Amino acid sequence: MEVFEGKAWISGQGLIDTCIGVEQGKITAVKKILKGDKQTVVDGIILPSALDMHVHFRDPGYPNKEDWKSGSESAACGGVTAVVDMPNTNPFTSDVETFNEKVSIASSKSVVDFGIGVNVEKDLINKSWFDTIPSAFWKLYPYGISSEQYFSYAKEVLGKTKKPLVIHGEHPDHMHNEPLSKLSDHTQNRLVAEP
């Protein structure tokens, strides 16, 4: 077991001196005093890594904007050790072929763990691979479909899967009916409304 000694934030106790034991990449013990095969004294605060559930690495399609290498390296520099990529690349990640292509690209370039979402399209639940594709979630975008279709797709998918359904909340049918306001007005309204 490798032991890291330093200060860590322990819920309910605050910032305390502690030892954290790690075996095969997993935390196995958190104690005041702990001995292991390797001891590392940390000059700083020991923090857990973060998970980013909403990244757009644009690879395939637009790697000039960001690809799996640059995006995952940036994530790692910020303490993020796992990311989940949205399916709106070019092409959209919406079937087994595009999913496998993205997994292949991510596997060869990413320096952090990853998950990949799959786009919801018409008749998705009838696809032979619907129950077996190892996507992190299903993603429903509202573009090119009516509000009725949007809610119908959501109901169909939720009725057939245990995976999360991530929705894009701004449906164009409803966005044009809302009056535009300045950010300063929005901030002022929130200040008045909140105690």
C-alpha atoms as a PDB file:
ATOM      1  CA  MET A   1       0.000   0.000   0.000  1.00  0.00           C
ATOM      2  CA  GLU A   2       1.215   3.501  -0.857  1.00  0.00           C
ATOM      3  CA  VAL A   3       0.545   6.087   1.852  1.00  0.00           C
ATOM      4  CA  PHE A   4       0.198   9.831   1.298  1.00  0.00           C
ATOM      5  CA  GLU A   5       0.654  11.998   4.392  1.00  0.00           C
ATOM      6  CA  GLY A   6      -0.586  15.559   4.453  1.00  0.00           C
ATOM      7  CA  LYS A   7      -3.536  17.804   5.069  1.00  0.00           C
ATOM      8  CA  ALA A   8      -6.903  16.751   3.688  1.00  0.00           C
ATOM      9  CA  TRP A   9     -10.434  18.044   4.004  1.00  0.00           C
ATOM     10  CA  ILE A  10     -12.476  15.465   5.890  1.00  0.00           C
ATOM     11  CA  SER A  11     -16.211  16.131   5.870  1.00  0.00           C
ATOM     12  CA  GLY A  12     -17.412  17.164   9.314  1.00  0.00           C
ATOM     13  CA  GLN A  13     -13.860  17.543  10.627  1.00  0.00           C
ATOM     14  CA  GLY A  14     -12.378  20.220   8.404  1.00  0.00           C
ATOM     15  CA  LEU A  15      -8.759  20.428   7.300  1.00  0.00           C
ATOM     16  CA  ILE A  16      -6.729  17.895   9.301  1.00  0.00           C
ATOM     17  CA  ASP A  17      -3.416  16.050   9.205  1.00  0.00           C
ATOM     18  CA  THR A  18      -4.124  12.601   7.822  1.00  0.00           C
ATOM     19  CA  CYS A  19      -2.764   9.583   5.980  1.00  0.00           C
ATOM     20  CA  ILE A  20      -4.436   8.181   2.879  1.00  0.00           C
ATOM     21  CA  GLY A  21      -3.683   4.613   1.820  1.00  0.00           C
ATOM     22  CA  VAL A  22      -3.902   3.713  -1.863  1.00  0.00           C
ATOM     23  CA  GLU A  23      -3.805   0.222  -3.387  1.00  0.00           C
ATOM     24  CA  GLN A  24      -4.139  -0.468  -7.120  1.00  0.00           C
ATOM     25  CA  GLY A  25      -5.271   3.098  -7.753  1.00  0.00           C
ATOM     26  CA  LYS A  26      -8.051   3.089  -5.135  1.00  0.00           C
ATOM     27  CA  ILE A  27      -8.242   4.720  -1.716  1.00  0.00           C
ATOM     28  CA  THR A  28      -8.373   1.874   0.807  1.00  0.00           C
ATOM     29  CA  ALA A  29      -7.796   3.697   4.102  1.00  0.00           C
ATOM     30  CA  VAL A  30      -7.990   7.162   5.638  1.00  0.00           C
ATOM     31  CA  LYS A  31      -6.454   7.305   9.136  1.00  0.00           C
ATOM     32  CA  LYS A  32      -4.537   9.630  11.425  1.00  0.00           C
ATOM     33  CA  ILE A  33      -1.493   7.304  11.336  1.00  0.00           C
ATOM     34  CA  LEU A  34      -0.925   4.736   8.601  1.00  0.00           C
ATOM     35  CA  LYS A  35       2.171   2.851   7.444  1.00  0.00           C
ATOM     36  CA  GLY A  36       2.704   1.430   3.993  1.00  0.00           C
ATOM     37  CA  ASP A  37       5.277   0.095   1.555  1.00  0.00           C
ATOM     38  CA  LYS A  38       5.853   3.610   0.256  1.00  0.00           C
ATOM     39  CA  GLN A  39       5.325   6.837   2.219  1.00  0.00           C
ATOM     40  CA  THR A  40       4.934  10.172   0.432  1.00  0.00           C
ATOM     41  CA  VAL A  41       4.698  13.407   2.397  1.00  0.00           C
ATOM     42  CA  VAL A  42       2.586  15.929   0.504  1.00  0.00           C
ATOM     43  CA  ASP A  43       3.506  19.593   0.879  1.00  0.00           C
ATOM     44  CA  GLY A  44       0.027  20.982   0.324  1.00  0.00           C
ATOM     45  CA  ILE A  45      -3.577  19.881   0.576  1.00  0.00           C
ATOM     46  CA  ILE A  46      -4.622  16.465  -0.705  1.00  0.00           C
ATOM     47  CA  LEU A  47      -7.763  16.835  -2.816  1.00  0.00           C
ATOM     48  CA  PRO A  48      -9.887  14.302  -4.694  1.00  0.00           C
ATOM     49  CA  SER A  49      -9.975  14.488  -8.453  1.00  0.00           C
ATOM     50  CA  ALA A  50     -12.932  15.937 -10.308  1.00  0.00           C
ATOM     51  CA  LEU A  51     -15.257  14.492 -12.957  1.00  0.00           C
ATOM     52  CA  ASP A  52     -16.435  16.707 -15.822  1.00  0.00           C
ATOM     53  CA  MET A  53     -19.759  15.382 -17.102  1.00  0.00           C
ATOM     54  CA  HIS A  54     -20.077  17.854 -19.987  1.00  0.00           C
ATOM     55  CA  VAL A  55     -17.184  18.299 -22.405  1.00  0.00           C
ATOM     56  CA  HIS A  56     -17.109  19.077 -26.129  1.00  0.00           C
ATOM     57  CA  PHE A  57     -13.802  17.770 -27.450  1.00  0.00           C
ATOM     58  CA  ARG A  58     -14.948  18.189 -31.103  1.00  0.00           C
ATOM     59  CA  ASP A  59     -13.080  15.120 -32.241  1.00  0.00           C
ATOM     60  CA  PRO A  60     -13.978  13.805 -34.806  1.00  0.00           C
ATOM     61  CA  GLY A  61     -15.075  16.694 -36.961  1.00  0.00           C
ATOM     62  CA  TYR A  62     -13.401  19.811 -35.641  1.00  0.00           C
ATOM     63  CA  PRO A  63     -10.110  18.789 -33.987  1.00  0.00           C
ATOM     64  CA  ASN A  64      -8.695  22.220 -34.859  1.00  0.00           C
ATOM     65  CA  LYS A  65     -10.991  23.609 -32.109  1.00  0.00           C
ATOM     66  CA  GLU A  66     -10.066  20.927 -29.587  1.00  0.00           C
ATOM     67  CA  ASP A  67      -9.287  17.233 -29.758  1.00  0.00           C
ATOM     68  CA  TRP A  68      -9.111  14.406 -27.240  1.00  0.00           C
ATOM     69  CA  LYS A  69      -5.418  15.025 -26.573  1.00  0.00           C
ATOM     70  CA  SER A  70      -5.586  18.770 -25.902  1.00  0.00           C
ATOM     71  CA  GLY A  71      -8.922  18.566 -24.076  1.00  0.00           C
ATOM     72  CA  SER A  72      -7.947  15.689 -21.813  1.00  0.00           C
ATOM     73  CA  GLU A  73      -4.545  17.240 -21.055  1.00  0.00           C
ATOM     74  CA  SER A  74      -6.284  20.468 -20.043  1.00  0.00           C
ATOM     75  CA  ALA A  75      -8.670  18.474 -17.868  1.00  0.00           C
ATOM     76  CA  ALA A  76      -5.806  16.645 -16.162  1.00  0.00           C
ATOM     77  CA  CYS A  77      -3.994  19.932 -15.485  1.00  0.00           C
ATOM     78  CA  GLY A  78      -7.102  21.112 -13.637  1.00  0.00           C
ATOM     79  CA  GLY A  79      -7.413  17.977 -11.515  1.00  0.00           C
ATOM     80  CA  VAL A  80     -10.099  16.348 -13.663  1.00  0.00           C
ATOM     81  CA  THR A  81      -9.418  12.633 -14.125  1.00  0.00           C
ATOM     82  CA  ALA A  82     -12.571  11.630 -16.031  1.00  0.00           C
ATOM     83  CA  VAL A  83     -14.646  13.386 -18.691  1.00  0.00           C
ATOM     84  CA  VAL A  84     -17.882  12.630 -20.527  1.00  0.00           C
ATOM     85  CA  ASP A  85     -18.092  13.882 -24.108  1.00  0.00           C
ATOM     86  CA  MET A  86     -21.264  15.212 -25.719  1.00  0.00           C
ATOM     87  CA  PRO A  87     -22.339  13.599 -29.011  1.00  0.00           C
ATOM     88  CA  ASN A  88     -22.615  16.732 -31.179  1.00  0.00           C
ATOM     89  CA  THR A  89     -19.442  16.182 -33.150  1.00  0.00           C
ATOM     90  CA  ASN A  90     -19.258  15.812 -36.920  1.00  0.00           C
ATOM     91  CA  PRO A  91     -20.668  13.317 -37.524  1.00  0.00           C
ATOM     92  CA  PHE A  92     -23.033  13.167 -34.548  1.00  0.00           C
ATOM     93  CA  THR A  93     -22.388  10.205 -32.268  1.00  0.00           C
ATOM     94  CA  SER A  94     -25.695   8.509 -32.986  1.00  0.00           C
ATOM     95  CA  ASP A  95     -25.054   4.860 -33.841  1.00  0.00           C
ATOM     96  CA  VAL A  96     -22.641   1.999 -33.197  1.00  0.00           C
ATOM     97  CA  GLU A  97     -20.225   3.050 -35.946  1.00  0.00           C
ATOM     98  CA  THR A  98     -19.860   6.680 -34.847  1.00  0.00           C
ATOM     99  CA  PHE A  99     -19.705   5.609 -31.179  1.00  0.00           C
ATOM    100  CA  ASN A 100     -16.936   3.087 -31.887  1.00  0.00           C
ATOM    101  CA  GLU A 101     -15.045   5.657 -33.983  1.00  0.00           C
ATOM    102  CA  LYS A 102     -15.104   8.137 -31.098  1.00  0.00           C
ATOM    103  CA  VAL A 103     -14.071   5.448 -28.588  1.00  0.00           C
ATOM    104  CA  SER A 104     -11.131   4.557 -30.844  1.00  0.00           C
ATOM    105  CA  ILE A 105     -10.024   8.188 -31.136  1.00  0.00           C
ATOM    106  CA  ALA A 106     -10.425   8.824 -27.406  1.00  0.00           C
ATOM    107  CA  SER A 107      -8.603   5.605 -26.499  1.00  0.00           C
ATOM    108  CA  SER A 108      -5.588   6.624 -28.558  1.00  0.00           C
ATOM    109  CA  LYS A 109      -5.419  10.280 -27.420  1.00  0.00           C
ATOM    110  CA  SER A 110      -7.013  10.775 -24.000  1.00  0.00           C
ATOM    111  CA  VAL A 111      -4.845  10.989 -20.892  1.00  0.00           C
ATOM    112  CA  VAL A 112      -7.875  10.720 -18.557  1.00  0.00           C
ATOM    113  CA  ASP A 113     -10.743   8.248 -18.211  1.00  0.00           C
ATOM    114  CA  PHE A 114     -13.741   8.992 -20.411  1.00  0.00           C
ATOM    115  CA  GLY A 115     -17.355   8.269 -21.212  1.00  0.00           C
ATOM    116  CA  ILE A 116     -19.265   9.118 -24.374  1.00  0.00           C
ATOM    117  CA  GLY A 117     -22.883  10.116 -24.871  1.00  0.00           C
ATOM    118  CA  VAL A 118     -25.038   8.991 -27.789  1.00  0.00           C
ATOM    119  CA  ASN A 119     -27.517  11.244 -29.588  1.00  0.00           C
ATOM    120  CA  VAL A 120     -31.237  10.406 -29.473  1.00  0.00           C
ATOM    121  CA  GLU A 121     -32.775  10.137 -32.935  1.00  0.00           C
ATOM    122  CA  LYS A 122     -36.064   8.819 -34.313  1.00  0.00           C
ATOM    123  CA  ASP A 123     -36.633   5.094 -33.685  1.00  0.00           C
ATOM    124  CA  LEU A 124     -33.586   4.855 -31.413  1.00  0.00           C
ATOM    125  CA  ILE A 125     -35.304   2.400 -29.076  1.00  0.00           C
ATOM    126  CA  ASN A 126     -35.929   0.031 -31.998  1.00  0.00           C
ATOM    127  CA  LYS A 127     -32.251  -0.250 -32.934  1.00  0.00           C
ATOM    128  CA  SER A 128     -30.741  -3.684 -32.289  1.00  0.00           C
ATOM    129  CA  TRP A 129     -27.888  -2.118 -30.301  1.00  0.00           C
ATOM    130  CA  PHE A 130     -30.028   0.142 -28.092  1.00  0.00           C
ATOM    131  CA  ASP A 131     -29.667  -2.017 -24.956  1.00  0.00           C
ATOM    132  CA  THR A 132     -26.037  -3.008 -25.514  1.00  0.00           C
ATOM    133  CA  ILE A 133     -24.102   0.090 -26.601  1.00  0.00           C
ATOM    134  CA  PRO A 134     -21.893   1.106 -23.636  1.00  0.00           C
ATOM    135  CA  SER A 135     -22.669   4.820 -23.794  1.00  0.00           C
ATOM    136  CA  ALA A 136     -22.501   6.958 -20.657  1.00  0.00           C
ATOM    137  CA  PHE A 137     -25.931   8.457 -21.384  1.00  0.00           C
ATOM    138  CA  TRP A 138     -28.439   9.356 -24.090  1.00  0.00           C
ATOM    139  CA  LYS A 139     -28.515  13.008 -25.215  1.00  0.00           C
ATOM    140  CA  LEU A 140     -31.621  14.660 -26.634  1.00  0.00           C
ATOM    141  CA  TYR A 141     -31.161  17.826 -28.686  1.00  0.00           C
ATOM    142  CA  PRO A 142     -34.274  19.819 -29.664  1.00  0.00           C
ATOM    143  CA  TYR A 143     -33.154  20.945 -33.095  1.00  0.00           C
ATOM    144  CA  GLY A 144     -35.072  19.900 -36.181  1.00  0.00           C
ATOM    145  CA  ILE A 145     -37.960  18.380 -34.213  1.00  0.00           C
ATOM    146  CA  SER A 146     -41.137  19.828 -32.746  1.00  0.00           C
ATOM    147  CA  SER A 147     -41.793  20.150 -29.015  1.00  0.00           C
ATOM    148  CA  GLU A 148     -44.203  17.229 -29.279  1.00  0.00           C
ATOM    149  CA  GLN A 149     -41.574  14.999 -30.904  1.00  0.00           C
ATOM    150  CA  TYR A 150     -39.003  16.130 -28.333  1.00  0.00           C
ATOM    151  CA  PHE A 151     -41.160  15.039 -25.392  1.00  0.00           C
ATOM    152  CA  SER A 152     -42.222  11.874 -27.217  1.00  0.00           C
ATOM    153  CA  TYR A 153     -38.583  10.839 -27.777  1.00  0.00           C
ATOM    154  CA  ALA A 154     -37.778  11.584 -24.137  1.00  0.00           C
ATOM    155  CA  LYS A 155     -40.695   9.463 -22.924  1.00  0.00           C
ATOM    156  CA  GLU A 156     -39.765   6.566 -25.242  1.00  0.00           C
ATOM    157  CA  VAL A 157     -36.118   6.509 -24.186  1.00  0.00           C
ATOM    158  CA  LEU A 158     -36.846   6.875 -20.471  1.00  0.00           C
ATOM    159  CA  GLY A 159     -39.331   4.019 -20.710  1.00  0.00           C
ATOM    160  CA  LYS A 160     -36.747   1.629 -22.188  1.00  0.00           C
ATOM    161  CA  THR A 161     -33.431   2.350 -20.447  1.00  0.00           C
ATOM    162  CA  LYS A 162     -31.799   2.760 -17.070  1.00  0.00           C
ATOM    163  CA  LYS A 163     -29.147   5.085 -18.495  1.00  0.00           C
ATOM    164  CA  PRO A 164     -29.495   8.805 -17.854  1.00  0.00           C
ATOM    165  CA  LEU A 165     -31.214  10.919 -20.481  1.00  0.00           C
ATOM    166  CA  VAL A 166     -29.487  14.284 -20.757  1.00  0.00           C
ATOM    167  CA  ILE A 167     -31.678  16.944 -22.322  1.00  0.00           C
ATOM    168  CA  HIS A 168     -30.780  20.196 -23.987  1.00  0.00           C
ATOM    169  CA  GLY A 169     -33.170  22.521 -22.196  1.00  0.00           C
ATOM    170  CA  GLU A 170     -33.636  25.327 -24.705  1.00  0.00           C
ATOM    171  CA  HIS A 171     -36.145  24.254 -27.343  1.00  0.00           C
ATOM    172  CA  PRO A 172     -36.218  26.756 -30.237  1.00  0.00           C
ATOM    173  CA  ASP A 173     -40.046  26.671 -30.342  1.00  0.00           C
ATOM    174  CA  HIS A 174     -40.093  28.320 -26.939  1.00  0.00           C
ATOM    175  CA  MET A 175     -36.980  30.477 -27.027  1.00  0.00           C
ATOM    176  CA  HIS A 176     -38.356  32.958 -29.567  1.00  0.00           C
ATOM    177  CA  ASN A 177     -41.371  33.691 -27.374  1.00  0.00           C
ATOM    178  CA  GLU A 178     -39.241  34.906 -24.485  1.00  0.00           C
ATOM    179  CA  PRO A 179     -38.372  38.601 -24.325  1.00  0.00           C
ATOM    180  CA  LEU A 180     -34.668  39.336 -24.437  1.00  0.00           C
ATOM    181  CA  SER A 181     -33.154  40.947 -21.376  1.00  0.00           C
ATOM    182  CA  LYS A 182     -29.765  42.214 -20.332  1.00  0.00           C
ATOM    183  CA  LEU A 183     -27.619  40.126 -18.014  1.00  0.00           C
ATOM    184  CA  SER A 184     -27.639  43.014 -15.525  1.00  0.00           C
ATOM    185  CA  ASP A 185     -31.482  42.875 -15.423  1.00  0.00           C
ATOM    186  CA  HIS A 186     -31.365  39.134 -14.796  1.00  0.00           C
ATOM    187  CA  THR A 187     -28.864  39.581 -11.966  1.00  0.00           C
ATOM    188  CA  GLN A 188     -30.935  42.364 -10.381  1.00  0.00           C
ATOM    189  CA  ASN A 189     -34.128  40.261 -10.588  1.00  0.00           C
ATOM    190  CA  ARG A 190     -32.378  37.369  -8.859  1.00  0.00           C
ATOM    191  CA  LEU A 191     -31.123  39.620  -6.080  1.00  0.00           C
ATOM    192  CA  VAL A 192     -34.654  40.899  -5.460  1.00  0.00           C
ATOM    193  CA  ALA A 193     -36.220  37.413  -5.606  1.00  0.00           C
ATOM    194  CA  GLU A 194     -33.755  35.612  -3.333  1.00  0.00           C
ATOM    195  CA  PRO A 195     -33.813  36.153   0.443  1.00  0.00           C
END
